[in-house]
């Protein structure tokens, strides 16, 4: 078990008073590492404000056309 997995199990035990009960639960906790790593890789690459959503664009177009 890696450091991150141990930290997850410790946190769950601390906050919820339970330990990962079976292998599938431990596997899912381990997969959380990959999910977090994937999200961290996207940090700084996704900026909502770069291009307004279609609703916002429609509002602006209506406002400018009036």
N, C-alpha and C. Protein backbone atom coordinates (compact mmCIF):
# COMPACT_ATOMS: atom_id res chain seq x y z
N UNK A 1 0.86 -1.18 0.00
CA UNK A 1 0.00 0.00 0.00
C UNK A 1 0.89 1.23 0.00
N UNK A 2 0.55 2.17 -0.87
CA UNK A 2 1.32 3.39 -0.97
C UNK A 2 0.98 4.37 0.14
N UNK A 3 1.74 5.44 0.19
CA UNK A 3 1.54 6.46 1.21
C UNK A 3 0.15 7.09 1.09
N UNK A 4 -0.25 7.40 -0.16
CA UNK A 4 -1.55 8.04 -0.36
C UNK A 4 -2.69 7.14 0.09
N UNK A 5 -2.61 5.86 -0.27
CA UNK A 5 -3.66 4.92 0.12
C UNK A 5 -3.75 4.81 1.65
N UNK A 6 -2.60 4.78 2.29
CA UNK A 6 -2.58 4.72 3.75
C UNK A 6 -3.21 5.97 4.35
N UNK A 7 -2.92 7.12 3.75
CA UNK A 7 -3.50 8.37 4.23
C UNK A 7 -5.02 8.36 4.07
N UNK A 8 -5.51 7.87 2.94
CA UNK A 8 -6.95 7.78 2.71
C UNK A 8 -7.60 6.90 3.77
N UNK A 9 -7.02 5.73 4.00
CA UNK A 9 -7.59 4.81 5.00
C UNK A 9 -7.56 5.42 6.39
N UNK A 10 -6.49 6.11 6.71
CA UNK A 10 -6.38 6.75 8.03
C UNK A 10 -7.44 7.84 8.17
N UNK A 11 -7.63 8.62 7.12
CA UNK A 11 -8.62 9.70 7.16
C UNK A 11 -10.03 9.13 7.32
N UNK A 12 -10.33 8.08 6.56
CA UNK A 12 -11.65 7.45 6.67
C UNK A 12 -11.86 6.92 8.09
N UNK A 13 -10.85 6.27 8.62
CA UNK A 13 -10.96 5.73 9.98
C UNK A 13 -11.15 6.85 11.00
N UNK A 14 -10.44 7.95 10.81
CA UNK A 14 -10.53 9.07 11.75
C UNK A 14 -11.91 9.72 11.70
N UNK A 15 -12.40 10.01 10.51
CA UNK A 15 -13.65 10.76 10.38
C UNK A 15 -14.89 9.90 10.51
N UNK A 16 -14.80 8.64 10.05
CA UNK A 16 -15.99 7.81 10.02
C UNK A 16 -15.93 6.62 10.97
N UNK A 17 -14.77 6.39 11.55
CA UNK A 17 -14.63 5.30 12.51
C UNK A 17 -14.70 3.92 11.87
N UNK A 18 -14.39 3.81 10.59
CA UNK A 18 -14.40 2.51 9.92
C UNK A 18 -13.09 2.31 9.17
N UNK A 19 -12.79 1.09 8.87
CA UNK A 19 -11.63 0.76 8.05
C UNK A 19 -12.15 0.17 6.75
N UNK A 20 -11.34 0.29 5.70
CA UNK A 20 -11.75 -0.28 4.42
C UNK A 20 -12.04 -1.77 4.64
N UNK A 21 -13.29 -2.18 4.42
CA UNK A 21 -13.72 -3.52 4.83
C UNK A 21 -13.29 -4.66 3.91
N UNK A 22 -12.95 -4.37 2.67
CA UNK A 22 -12.66 -5.48 1.76
C UNK A 22 -11.72 -5.02 0.65
N UNK A 23 -11.31 -5.97 -0.17
CA UNK A 23 -10.37 -5.66 -1.25
C UNK A 23 -10.93 -4.67 -2.27
N UNK A 24 -12.21 -4.79 -2.67
CA UNK A 24 -12.73 -3.80 -3.62
C UNK A 24 -12.66 -2.38 -3.06
N UNK A 25 -12.94 -2.20 -1.78
CA UNK A 25 -12.87 -0.86 -1.18
C UNK A 25 -11.44 -0.34 -1.20
N UNK A 26 -10.49 -1.20 -0.92
CA UNK A 26 -9.08 -0.79 -0.96
C UNK A 26 -8.66 -0.47 -2.38
N UNK A 27 -9.14 -1.24 -3.36
CA UNK A 27 -8.82 -1.00 -4.76
C UNK A 27 -9.38 0.36 -5.21
N UNK A 28 -10.62 0.66 -4.82
CA UNK A 28 -11.22 1.94 -5.19
C UNK A 28 -10.46 3.10 -4.57
N UNK A 29 -10.01 2.93 -3.33
CA UNK A 29 -9.21 3.99 -2.69
C UNK A 29 -7.91 4.18 -3.45
N UNK A 30 -7.31 3.09 -3.93
CA UNK A 30 -6.07 3.19 -4.68
C UNK A 30 -6.31 3.87 -6.02
N UNK A 31 -7.45 3.61 -6.66
CA UNK A 31 -7.77 4.24 -7.94
C UNK A 31 -7.99 5.75 -7.78
N UNK A 32 -8.33 6.18 -6.59
CA UNK A 32 -8.52 7.60 -6.34
C UNK A 32 -7.23 8.37 -6.63
N UNK A 33 -6.10 7.74 -6.41
CA UNK A 33 -4.81 8.37 -6.70
C UNK A 33 -4.73 8.76 -8.17
N UNK A 34 -5.14 7.84 -9.05
CA UNK A 34 -5.10 8.12 -10.49
C UNK A 34 -6.04 9.25 -10.86
N UNK A 35 -7.22 9.27 -10.25
CA UNK A 35 -8.20 10.32 -10.53
C UNK A 35 -7.66 11.69 -10.13
N UNK A 36 -7.11 11.78 -8.94
CA UNK A 36 -6.56 13.05 -8.46
C UNK A 36 -5.40 13.49 -9.34
N UNK A 37 -4.54 12.56 -9.73
CA UNK A 37 -3.42 12.89 -10.61
C UNK A 37 -3.91 13.43 -11.95
N UNK A 38 -4.97 12.83 -12.49
CA UNK A 38 -5.52 13.29 -13.77
C UNK A 38 -6.08 14.71 -13.64
N UNK A 39 -6.79 14.98 -12.54
CA UNK A 39 -7.32 16.33 -12.34
C UNK A 39 -6.20 17.35 -12.13
N UNK A 40 -5.16 16.95 -11.40
CA UNK A 40 -4.04 17.86 -11.18
C UNK A 40 -3.33 18.19 -12.49
N UNK A 41 -3.30 17.24 -13.42
CA UNK A 41 -2.65 17.49 -14.72
C UNK A 41 -3.42 18.54 -15.52
N UNK A 42 -4.71 18.69 -15.26
CA UNK A 42 -5.53 19.67 -15.97
C UNK A 42 -5.46 21.06 -15.35
N UNK A 43 -4.89 21.15 -14.16
CA UNK A 43 -4.84 22.44 -13.47
C UNK A 43 -4.16 23.48 -14.34
N UNK A 44 -4.83 24.60 -14.53
CA UNK A 44 -4.29 25.69 -15.32
C UNK A 44 -4.57 25.60 -16.80
N UNK A 45 -5.12 24.46 -17.25
CA UNK A 45 -5.40 24.32 -18.68
C UNK A 45 -6.85 24.61 -19.01
N UNK A 46 -7.72 24.52 -18.03
CA UNK A 46 -9.14 24.76 -18.27
C UNK A 46 -9.54 26.07 -17.60
N UNK A 47 -9.94 27.03 -18.41
CA UNK A 47 -10.33 28.32 -17.89
C UNK A 47 -11.70 28.66 -18.45
N UNK A 48 -12.70 28.62 -17.60
CA UNK A 48 -14.08 28.87 -18.03
C UNK A 48 -14.24 30.26 -18.62
N UNK A 49 -13.53 31.23 -18.09
CA UNK A 49 -13.71 32.61 -18.49
C UNK A 49 -13.15 32.91 -19.88
N UNK A 50 -12.34 32.02 -20.45
CA UNK A 50 -11.76 32.27 -21.77
C UNK A 50 -12.84 32.44 -22.84
N UNK A 51 -13.86 31.65 -22.76
CA UNK A 51 -14.93 31.72 -23.75
C UNK A 51 -16.25 31.57 -23.02
N UNK A 52 -17.16 32.52 -23.16
CA UNK A 52 -18.41 32.42 -22.40
C UNK A 52 -19.24 31.22 -22.83
N UNK A 53 -20.03 30.75 -21.90
CA UNK A 53 -20.93 29.64 -22.22
C UNK A 53 -21.93 30.10 -23.26
N UNK A 54 -22.61 29.18 -23.90
CA UNK A 54 -23.55 29.55 -24.95
C UNK A 54 -24.67 30.42 -24.41
N UNK A 55 -25.10 30.19 -23.18
CA UNK A 55 -26.15 31.03 -22.60
C UNK A 55 -25.66 32.46 -22.42
N UNK A 56 -24.45 32.59 -21.90
CA UNK A 56 -23.87 33.92 -21.71
C UNK A 56 -23.68 34.62 -23.05
N UNK A 57 -23.22 33.88 -24.06
CA UNK A 57 -23.04 34.46 -25.39
C UNK A 57 -24.37 34.93 -25.95
N UNK A 58 -25.43 34.16 -25.75
CA UNK A 58 -26.76 34.55 -26.24
C UNK A 58 -27.24 35.80 -25.53
N UNK A 59 -27.01 35.91 -24.25
CA UNK A 59 -27.40 37.10 -23.51
C UNK A 59 -26.67 38.34 -24.04
N UNK A 60 -25.38 38.20 -24.27
CA UNK A 60 -24.58 39.31 -24.77
C UNK A 60 -25.05 39.73 -26.17
N UNK A 61 -25.34 38.76 -27.02
CA UNK A 61 -25.80 39.06 -28.37
C UNK A 61 -27.14 39.79 -28.34
N UNK A 62 -28.02 39.36 -27.46
CA UNK A 62 -29.34 40.00 -27.33
C UNK A 62 -29.18 41.41 -26.79
N UNK A 63 -28.30 41.56 -25.82
CA UNK A 63 -28.08 42.87 -25.20
C UNK A 63 -27.46 43.85 -26.21
N UNK A 64 -26.52 43.39 -27.01
CA UNK A 64 -25.86 44.24 -27.99
C UNK A 64 -26.77 44.56 -29.16
N UNK A 65 -27.69 43.66 -29.51
CA UNK A 65 -28.59 43.87 -30.63
C UNK A 65 -29.74 44.80 -30.31
N UNK A 66 -30.02 45.00 -29.03
CA UNK A 66 -31.18 45.82 -28.64
C UNK A 66 -30.89 47.29 -28.67
